[in-house]
């Protein structure tokens, strides 16, 4: 596909849609339509993107001209948007949504080519819109489920973005998305837990972020360099039951719910320690009893 002869339409110019626009505009498409229903978003984002945004006006002319259509609206709005698109002839259009939970089967009401529809979810976190948002979809992975023809186009786009595609089965979409949530959202939750414990220890304000971020950064570097198993350190990795028991006692006094999380994570960590050879198999049962 020659992008200089291609018209791109992005519907939903929020945090994700803006990132797609800022990254893809450099590919010199023939024309790019941006459509957004929120007046507040239009007024604020227009200044950042420095381009025109059409207010909630999906019409026959735009659909007819479009070669690629990206639906980057929130999950609760996606089905309603597709219902609106079903009024138009979408044959020969490459259409994908960016939802992490829905599959390509949400397009079943469209008059469209099965090979040209799909789900293309950026495995990334988007917390604001800025002039640098386009960088967020570079050098990342996208979860893909959909037609082969569309995938060829998206492979080309990914190559230009220095990004990659990981194939997701439709029936595993929620499992896939749960892994994304565990990675991003619950990392933030762990920071919340650290803030609570740090407050108990007398650490002021957000100083705990400065204290623990180097530890987290080094852990991630180790995982990238030597893998998950060999990066494991700490009491479970050493087979130190005594320290783990003391941890549980200390947490139970002030943070009973966090104690349960510690046990759950510790229970899974036993497997790594066994793989590493620091916990003997005949001691697994004892460890599990402590962390159950």
Foldseek 3Di string as FASTA:
>chain_A
DQQLQAEEEEEACFQVSVLCCLQCVVSNHVYYAAEYADPVCQVVVCVFSVDHHHHPDDDAVSLVRHQEYEYEHDPVCVLVVLVVQQVYQNENHQYEYADLQAWQCSNVSHNYDQQRYTYWHWLFDGDHDHSCSNLGRAAGEIEIHGHPVNVVVVVVVNVVRVYYYDYDDNVCSVVVVVVSCCVPVVVVVVLVVQVVVVVVVVDDDSVSCVVCVVVVVVLVVCCVPPNDLVSDDDCLLQVNPPVLLVVLVVCCVPPVPVSLVVLVVQLVVNVSSVVVVNDPPVCNVVSNVSSD
